[in-house]
PDB file of N, CA and C in Angstrom:
ATOM      1  N   MET A   1     -11.237   7.983   6.943  1.00  0.00           N
ATOM      2  CA  MET A   1     -10.809   7.167   5.805  1.00  0.00           C
ATOM      3  C   MET A   1      -9.522   6.465   6.164  1.00  0.00           C
ATOM      4  N   GLY A   2      -8.796   6.036   6.634  1.00  0.00           N
ATOM      5  CA  GLY A   2      -7.570   5.430   7.027  1.00  0.00           C
ATOM      6  C   GLY A   2      -6.704   4.961   5.879  1.00  0.00           C
ATOM      7  N   VAL A   3      -5.834   4.088   6.197  1.00  0.00           N
ATOM      8  CA  VAL A   3      -4.855   3.554   5.252  1.00  0.00           C
ATOM      9  C   VAL A   3      -5.337   2.178   4.775  1.00  0.00           C
ATOM     10  N   THR A   4      -5.281   1.971   3.471  1.00  0.00           N
ATOM     11  CA  THR A   4      -5.632   0.679   2.878  1.00  0.00           C
ATOM     12  C   THR A   4      -4.505   0.259   1.952  1.00  0.00           C
ATOM     13  N   LEU A   5      -4.118  -1.007   2.069  1.00  0.00           N
ATOM     14  CA  LEU A   5      -3.090  -1.575   1.208  1.00  0.00           C
ATOM     15  C   LEU A   5      -3.713  -2.671   0.358  1.00  0.00           C
ATOM     16  N   TYR A   6      -3.654  -2.506  -0.952  1.00  0.00           N
ATOM     17  CA  TYR A   6      -4.092  -3.526  -1.897  1.00  0.00           C
ATOM     18  C   TYR A   6      -2.855  -4.321  -2.279  1.00  0.00           C
ATOM     19  N   HIS A   7      -2.927  -5.645  -2.111  1.00  0.00           N
ATOM     20  CA  HIS A   7      -1.722  -6.456  -2.297  1.00  0.00           C
ATOM     21  C   HIS A   7      -2.071  -7.900  -2.603  1.00  0.00           C
ATOM     22  N   VAL A   8      -1.037  -8.670  -2.934  1.00  0.00           N
ATOM     23  CA  VAL A   8      -1.110 -10.128  -3.027  1.00  0.00           C
ATOM     24  C   VAL A   8      -0.060 -10.672  -2.068  1.00  0.00           C
ATOM     25  N   ASP A   9      -0.291 -11.869  -1.561  1.00  0.00           N
ATOM     26  CA  ASP A   9       0.605 -12.433  -0.546  1.00  0.00           C
ATOM     27  C   ASP A   9       2.013 -12.715  -1.044  1.00  0.00           C
ATOM     28  N   TRP A  10       2.168 -13.096  -2.300  1.00  0.00           N
ATOM     29  CA  TRP A  10       3.459 -13.547  -2.824  1.00  0.00           C
ATOM     30  C   TRP A  10       4.337 -12.435  -3.381  1.00  0.00           C
ATOM     31  N   CYS A  11       3.851 -11.226  -3.426  1.00  0.00           N
ATOM     32  CA  CYS A  11       4.562 -10.111  -4.051  1.00  0.00           C
ATOM     33  C   CYS A  11       5.664  -9.557  -3.135  1.00  0.00           C
ATOM     34  N   PRO A  12       6.929  -9.575  -3.579  1.00  0.00           N
ATOM     35  CA  PRO A  12       8.021  -9.064  -2.746  1.00  0.00           C
ATOM     36  C   PRO A  12       7.867  -7.576  -2.397  1.00  0.00           C
ATOM     37  N   ASP A  13       7.438  -6.750  -3.345  1.00  0.00           N
ATOM     38  CA  ASP A  13       7.243  -5.330  -3.047  1.00  0.00           C
ATOM     39  C   ASP A  13       6.125  -5.127  -2.036  1.00  0.00           C
ATOM     40  N   CYS A  14       5.084  -5.938  -2.135  1.00  0.00           N
ATOM     41  CA  CYS A  14       3.983  -5.853  -1.169  1.00  0.00           C
ATOM     42  C   CYS A  14       4.486  -6.193   0.233  1.00  0.00           C
ATOM     43  N   GLU A  15       5.349  -7.185   0.325  1.00  0.00           N
ATOM     44  CA  GLU A  15       5.911  -7.577   1.620  1.00  0.00           C
ATOM     45  C   GLU A  15       6.745  -6.452   2.212  1.00  0.00           C
ATOM     46  N   VAL A  16       7.513  -5.768   1.386  1.00  0.00           N
ATOM     47  CA  VAL A  16       8.315  -4.637   1.857  1.00  0.00           C
ATOM     48  C   VAL A  16       7.403  -3.565   2.450  1.00  0.00           C
ATOM     49  N   VAL A  17       6.297  -3.281   1.784  1.00  0.00           N
ATOM     50  CA  VAL A  17       5.355  -2.271   2.282  1.00  0.00           C
ATOM     51  C   VAL A  17       4.693  -2.751   3.572  1.00  0.00           C
ATOM     52  N   ARG A  18       4.283  -4.012   3.626  1.00  0.00           N
ATOM     53  CA  ARG A  18       3.675  -4.548   4.862  1.00  0.00           C
ATOM     54  C   ARG A  18       4.660  -4.454   6.026  1.00  0.00           C
ATOM     55  N   GLN A  19       5.938  -4.758   5.776  1.00  0.00           N
ATOM     56  CA  GLN A  19       6.956  -4.664   6.827  1.00  0.00           C
ATOM     57  C   GLN A  19       7.119  -3.220   7.302  1.00  0.00           C
ATOM     58  N   LYS A  20       7.100  -2.268   6.383  1.00  0.00           N
ATOM     59  CA  LYS A  20       7.237  -0.855   6.745  1.00  0.00           C
ATOM     60  C   LYS A  20       6.035  -0.412   7.576  1.00  0.00           C
ATOM     61  N   LEU A  21       4.845  -0.819   7.197  1.00  0.00           N
ATOM     62  CA  LEU A  21       3.647  -0.482   7.967  1.00  0.00           C
ATOM     63  C   LEU A  21       3.756  -1.044   9.386  1.00  0.00           C
ATOM     64  N   ALA A  22       4.217  -2.280   9.507  1.00  0.00           N
ATOM     65  CA  ALA A  22       4.373  -2.903  10.820  1.00  0.00           C
ATOM     66  C   ALA A  22       5.450  -2.193  11.634  1.00  0.00           C
ATOM     67  N   GLU A  23       6.570  -1.894  10.998  1.00  0.00           N
ATOM     68  CA  GLU A  23       7.688  -1.213  11.670  1.00  0.00           C
ATOM     69  C   GLU A  23       7.248   0.131  12.252  1.00  0.00           C
ATOM     70  N   LEU A  24       6.420   0.848  11.493  1.00  0.00           N
ATOM     71  CA  LEU A  24       5.962   2.166  11.932  1.00  0.00           C
ATOM     72  C   LEU A  24       4.718   2.095  12.810  1.00  0.00           C
ATOM     73  N   GLY A  25       4.133   0.912  12.944  1.00  0.00           N
ATOM     74  CA  GLY A  25       2.931   0.753  13.753  1.00  0.00           C
ATOM     75  C   GLY A  25       1.710   1.420  13.150  1.00  0.00           C
ATOM     76  N   VAL A  26       1.648   1.450  11.827  1.00  0.00           N
ATOM     77  CA  VAL A  26       0.527   2.091  11.143  1.00  0.00           C
ATOM     78  C   VAL A  26      -0.604   1.083  10.975  1.00  0.00           C
ATOM     79  N   PRO A  27      -1.764   1.354  11.558  1.00  0.00           N
ATOM     80  CA  PRO A  27      -2.897   0.449  11.336  1.00  0.00           C
ATOM     81  C   PRO A  27      -3.412   0.623   9.901  1.00  0.00           C
ATOM     82  N   TYR A  28      -3.782  -0.477   9.279  1.00  0.00           N
ATOM     83  CA  TYR A  28      -4.254  -0.409   7.903  1.00  0.00           C
ATOM     84  C   TYR A  28      -5.202  -1.558   7.615  1.00  0.00           C
ATOM     85  N   ASP A  29      -6.016  -1.362   6.598  1.00  0.00           N
ATOM     86  CA  ASP A  29      -6.867  -2.431   6.086  1.00  0.00           C
ATOM     87  C   ASP A  29      -6.124  -3.072   4.932  1.00  0.00           C
ATOM     88  N   GLY A  30      -5.909  -4.362   5.010  1.00  0.00           N
ATOM     89  CA  GLY A  30      -5.259  -5.087   3.927  1.00  0.00           C
ATOM     90  C   GLY A  30      -6.304  -5.721   3.028  1.00  0.00           C
ATOM     91  N   VAL A  31      -6.205  -5.457   1.753  1.00  0.00           N
ATOM     92  CA  VAL A  31      -7.126  -6.031   0.778  1.00  0.00           C
ATOM     93  C   VAL A  31      -6.315  -6.920  -0.160  1.00  0.00           C
ATOM     94  N   ILE A  32      -6.499  -8.220  -0.023  1.00  0.00           N
ATOM     95  CA  ILE A  32      -5.809  -9.156  -0.902  1.00  0.00           C
ATOM     96  C   ILE A  32      -6.591  -9.218  -2.207  1.00  0.00           C
ATOM     97  N   VAL A  33      -5.894  -8.980  -3.301  1.00  0.00           N
ATOM     98  CA  VAL A  33      -6.532  -8.933  -4.613  1.00  0.00           C
ATOM     99  C   VAL A  33      -6.163 -10.184  -5.402  1.00  0.00           C
ATOM    100  N   PRO A  34      -6.897 -10.477  -6.473  1.00  0.00           N
ATOM    101  CA  PRO A  34      -6.598 -11.679  -7.270  1.00  0.00           C
ATOM    102  C   PRO A  34      -5.193 -11.639  -7.875  1.00  0.00           C
ATOM    103  N   ASP A  35      -4.632 -12.827  -8.070  1.00  0.00           N
ATOM    104  CA  ASP A  35      -3.321 -12.931  -8.706  1.00  0.00           C
ATOM    105  C   ASP A  35      -3.365 -12.467 -10.159  1.00  0.00           C
ATOM    106  N   PHE A  36      -4.428 -12.763 -10.854  1.00  0.00           N
ATOM    107  CA  PHE A  36      -4.572 -12.438 -12.275  1.00  0.00           C
ATOM    108  C   PHE A  36      -4.899 -10.959 -12.419  1.00  0.00           C
ATOM    109  N   ARG A  37      -3.979 -10.202 -13.005  1.00  0.00           N
ATOM    110  CA  ARG A  37      -4.108  -8.739 -13.054  1.00  0.00           C
ATOM    111  C   ARG A  37      -5.445  -8.239 -13.580  1.00  0.00           C
ATOM    112  N   PRO A  38      -5.958  -8.749 -14.693  1.00  0.00           N
ATOM    113  CA  PRO A  38      -7.224  -8.218 -15.201  1.00  0.00           C
ATOM    114  C   PRO A  38      -8.402  -8.393 -14.233  1.00  0.00           C
ATOM    115  N   MET A  39      -8.250  -9.264 -13.244  1.00  0.00           N
ATOM    116  CA  MET A  39      -9.318  -9.473 -12.252  1.00  0.00           C
ATOM    117  C   MET A  39      -9.221  -8.476 -11.089  1.00  0.00           C
ATOM    118  N   ARG A  40      -8.207  -7.654 -11.074  1.00  0.00           N
ATOM    119  CA  ARG A  40      -7.995  -6.713  -9.971  1.00  0.00           C
ATOM    120  C   ARG A  40      -8.799  -5.426 -10.192  1.00  0.00           C
ATOM    121  N   THR A  41     -10.106  -5.574 -10.295  1.00  0.00           N
ATOM    122  CA  THR A  41     -10.961  -4.423 -10.598  1.00  0.00           C
ATOM    123  C   THR A  41     -10.931  -3.383  -9.483  1.00  0.00           C
ATOM    124  N   ARG A  42     -10.837  -3.822  -8.237  1.00  0.00           N
ATOM    125  CA  ARG A  42     -10.781  -2.847  -7.128  1.00  0.00           C
ATOM    126  C   ARG A  42      -9.527  -1.997  -7.208  1.00  0.00           C
ATOM    127  N   VAL A  43      -8.417  -2.620  -7.543  1.00  0.00           N
ATOM    128  CA  VAL A  43      -7.159  -1.877  -7.687  1.00  0.00           C
ATOM    129  C   VAL A  43      -7.298  -0.863  -8.819  1.00  0.00           C
ATOM    130  N   TYR A  44      -7.874  -1.294  -9.928  1.00  0.00           N
ATOM    131  CA  TYR A  44      -8.042  -0.400 -11.070  1.00  0.00           C
ATOM    132  C   TYR A  44      -8.961   0.776 -10.728  1.00  0.00           C
ATOM    133  N   GLU A  45     -10.043   0.494 -10.020  1.00  0.00           N
ATOM    134  CA  GLU A  45     -10.974   1.558  -9.641  1.00  0.00           C
ATOM    135  C   GLU A  45     -10.294   2.613  -8.772  1.00  0.00           C
ATOM    136  N   VAL A  46      -9.385   2.178  -7.927  1.00  0.00           N
ATOM    137  CA  VAL A  46      -8.704   3.088  -6.999  1.00  0.00           C
ATOM    138  C   VAL A  46      -7.556   3.839  -7.675  1.00  0.00           C
ATOM    139  N   SER A  47      -6.772   3.112  -8.501  1.00  0.00           N
ATOM    140  CA  SER A  47      -5.516   3.681  -8.993  1.00  0.00           C
ATOM    141  C   SER A  47      -5.410   3.879 -10.496  1.00  0.00           C
ATOM    142  N   GLY A  48      -6.330   3.304 -11.264  1.00  0.00           N
ATOM    143  CA  GLY A  48      -6.250   3.423 -12.708  1.00  0.00           C
ATOM    144  C   GLY A  48      -5.268   2.462 -13.354  1.00  0.00           C
ATOM    145  N   GLN A  49      -4.758   1.494 -12.577  1.00  0.00           N
ATOM    146  CA  GLN A  49      -3.852   0.467 -13.099  1.00  0.00           C
ATOM    147  C   GLN A  49      -4.040  -0.814 -12.290  1.00  0.00           C
ATOM    148  N   TYR A  50      -3.418  -1.892 -12.740  1.00  0.00           N
ATOM    149  CA  TYR A  50      -3.667  -3.211 -12.145  1.00  0.00           C
ATOM    150  C   TYR A  50      -2.536  -3.733 -11.262  1.00  0.00           C
ATOM    151  N   TYR A  51      -1.440  -3.005 -11.147  1.00  0.00           N
ATOM    152  CA  TYR A  51      -0.281  -3.496 -10.409  1.00  0.00           C
ATOM    153  C   TYR A  51      -0.418  -3.224  -8.913  1.00  0.00           C
ATOM    154  N   VAL A  52       0.217  -4.057  -8.119  1.00  0.00           N
ATOM    155  CA  VAL A  52       0.264  -3.878  -6.675  1.00  0.00           C
ATOM    156  C   VAL A  52       1.728  -3.817  -6.261  1.00  0.00           C
ATOM    157  N   PRO A  53       2.025  -3.218  -5.126  1.00  0.00           N
ATOM    158  CA  PRO A  53       1.098  -2.709  -4.123  1.00  0.00           C
ATOM    159  C   PRO A  53       0.515  -1.353  -4.514  1.00  0.00           C
ATOM    160  N   VAL A  54      -0.673  -1.102  -3.992  1.00  0.00           N
ATOM    161  CA  VAL A  54      -1.302   0.214  -4.053  1.00  0.00           C
ATOM    162  C   VAL A  54      -1.712   0.558  -2.635  1.00  0.00           C
ATOM    163  N   LEU A  55      -1.357   1.755  -2.216  1.00  0.00           N
ATOM    164  CA  LEU A  55      -1.706   2.215  -0.870  1.00  0.00           C
ATOM    165  C   LEU A  55      -2.564   3.471  -0.994  1.00  0.00           C
ATOM    166  N   THR A  56      -3.666   3.474  -0.269  1.00  0.00           N
ATOM    167  CA  THR A  56      -4.462   4.696  -0.169  1.00  0.00           C
ATOM    168  C   THR A  56      -4.366   5.181   1.268  1.00  0.00           C
ATOM    169  N   ASP A  57      -4.236   6.479   1.400  1.00  0.00           N
ATOM    170  CA  ASP A  57      -4.166   7.126   2.710  1.00  0.00           C
ATOM    171  C   ASP A  57      -5.058   8.357   2.603  1.00  0.00           C
ATOM    172  N   GLY A  58      -6.310   8.206   3.027  1.00  0.00           N
ATOM    173  CA  GLY A  58      -7.273   9.274   2.805  1.00  0.00           C
ATOM    174  C   GLY A  58      -7.489   9.423   1.316  1.00  0.00           C
ATOM    175  N   ASP A  59      -7.291  10.628   0.809  1.00  0.00           N
ATOM    176  CA  ASP A  59      -7.461  10.895  -0.617  1.00  0.00           C
ATOM    177  C   ASP A  59      -6.190  10.644  -1.428  1.00  0.00           C
ATOM    178  N   THR A  60      -5.101  10.308  -0.773  1.00  0.00           N
ATOM    179  CA  THR A  60      -3.833  10.055  -1.452  1.00  0.00           C
ATOM    180  C   THR A  60      -3.790   8.615  -1.948  1.00  0.00           C
ATOM    181  N   VAL A  61      -3.436   8.436  -3.214  1.00  0.00           N
ATOM    182  CA  VAL A  61      -3.308   7.104  -3.808  1.00  0.00           C
ATOM    183  C   VAL A  61      -1.880   6.967  -4.328  1.00  0.00           C
ATOM    184  N   LEU A  62      -1.197   5.936  -3.870  1.00  0.00           N
ATOM    185  CA  LEU A  62       0.203   5.695  -4.258  1.00  0.00           C
ATOM    186  C   LEU A  62       0.324   4.304  -4.865  1.00  0.00           C
ATOM    187  N   SER A  63       1.020   4.205  -5.997  1.00  0.00           N
ATOM    188  CA  SER A  63       1.113   2.913  -6.672  1.00  0.00           C
ATOM    189  C   SER A  63       2.547   2.487  -6.990  1.00  0.00           C
ATOM    190  N   GLU A  64       3.512   3.239  -6.544  1.00  0.00           N
ATOM    191  CA  GLU A  64       4.915   2.857  -6.722  1.00  0.00           C
ATOM    192  C   GLU A  64       5.505   2.578  -5.342  1.00  0.00           C
ATOM    193  N   THR A  65       6.200   1.466  -5.208  1.00  0.00           N
ATOM    194  CA  THR A  65       6.713   1.051  -3.903  1.00  0.00           C
ATOM    195  C   THR A  65       7.561   2.137  -3.254  1.00  0.00           C
ATOM    196  N   HIS A  66       8.488   2.740  -3.994  1.00  0.00           N
ATOM    197  CA  HIS A  66       9.353   3.763  -3.395  1.00  0.00           C
ATOM    198  C   HIS A  66       8.543   4.981  -2.949  1.00  0.00           C
ATOM    199  N   GLU A  67       7.489   5.323  -3.676  1.00  0.00           N
ATOM    200  CA  GLU A  67       6.632   6.440  -3.257  1.00  0.00           C
ATOM    201  C   GLU A  67       5.842   6.088  -2.000  1.00  0.00           C
ATOM    202  N   ILE A  68       5.389   4.853  -1.915  1.00  0.00           N
ATOM    203  CA  ILE A  68       4.655   4.399  -0.732  1.00  0.00           C
ATOM    204  C   ILE A  68       5.562   4.477   0.489  1.00  0.00           C
ATOM    205  N   LEU A  69       6.780   3.937   0.367  1.00  0.00           N
ATOM    206  CA  LEU A  69       7.716   3.935   1.498  1.00  0.00           C
ATOM    207  C   LEU A  69       8.076   5.356   1.919  1.00  0.00           C
ATOM    208  N   SER A  70       8.304   6.219   0.953  1.00  0.00           N
ATOM    209  CA  SER A  70       8.619   7.617   1.255  1.00  0.00           C
ATOM    210  C   SER A  70       7.451   8.296   1.964  1.00  0.00           C
ATOM    211  N   HIS A  71       6.247   8.056   1.485  1.00  0.00           N
ATOM    212  CA  HIS A  71       5.047   8.631   2.101  1.00  0.00           C
ATOM    213  C   HIS A  71       4.917   8.169   3.554  1.00  0.00           C
ATOM    214  N   LEU A  72       5.117   6.870   3.770  1.00  0.00           N
ATOM    215  CA  LEU A  72       4.997   6.342   5.131  1.00  0.00           C
ATOM    216  C   LEU A  72       6.052   6.946   6.049  1.00  0.00           C
ATOM    217  N   ASP A  73       7.286   7.055   5.565  1.00  0.00           N
ATOM    218  CA  ASP A  73       8.341   7.663   6.378  1.00  0.00           C
ATOM    219  C   ASP A  73       8.026   9.122   6.686  1.00  0.00           C
ATOM    220  N   THR A  74       7.545   9.842   5.695  1.00  0.00           N
ATOM    221  CA  THR A  74       7.260  11.273   5.864  1.00  0.00           C
ATOM    222  C   THR A  74       6.101  11.516   6.812  1.00  0.00           C
ATOM    223  N   HIS A  75       5.064  10.697   6.722  1.00  0.00           N
ATOM    224  CA  HIS A  75       3.840  10.964   7.475  1.00  0.00           C
ATOM    225  C   HIS A  75       3.687  10.159   8.770  1.00  0.00           C
ATOM    226  N   TYR A  76       4.431   9.061   8.917  1.00  0.00           N
ATOM    227  CA  TYR A  76       4.200   8.195  10.070  1.00  0.00           C
ATOM    228  C   TYR A  76       5.431   7.903  10.920  1.00  0.00           C
ATOM    229  N   ALA A  77       6.626   8.195  10.425  1.00  0.00           N
ATOM    230  CA  ALA A  77       7.819   7.934  11.236  1.00  0.00           C
ATOM    231  C   ALA A  77       7.835   8.889  12.419  1.00  0.00           C
ATOM    232  N   LYS A  78       8.126   8.355  13.568  1.00  0.00           N
ATOM    233  CA  LYS A  78       8.194   9.172  14.778  1.00  0.00           C
ATOM    234  C   LYS A  78       9.511   9.942  14.779  1.00  0.00           C
ATOM    235  N   SER A  79       9.424  11.203  15.064  1.00  0.00           N
ATOM    236  CA  SER A  79      10.661  11.993  15.110  1.00  0.00           C
ATOM    237  C   SER A  79      11.452  11.650  16.358  1.00  0.00           C
ATOM    238  N   VAL A  80      12.758  11.586  16.183  1.00  0.00           N
ATOM    239  CA  VAL A  80      13.659  11.267  17.294  1.00  0.00           C
ATOM    240  C   VAL A  80      14.275  12.577  17.786  1.00  0.00           C
ATOM    241  N   SER A  81      14.153  12.808  19.077  1.00  0.00           N
ATOM    242  CA  SER A  81      14.714  14.058  19.648  1.00  0.00           C
ATOM    243  C   SER A  81      16.129  13.864  20.059  1.00  0.00           C
TER     244      SER A  81
END
């Protein structure tokens, strides 16, 4: 099941998450969703709400930017010796 990011191109929080994924070298599937929130049925099916970004990592679903960033740091940041 890998990492999937549901996002829109113009969203500043989505960009922050995309930058963090790139910085950590985490491969992910990017799903661009409609700008109009009620049309974001895939986001709703996954998270129960219409806001982005939403990140899924296996069975974990995260819908708050700070939680997404924390999750990525905790699970994907390389430890420095």
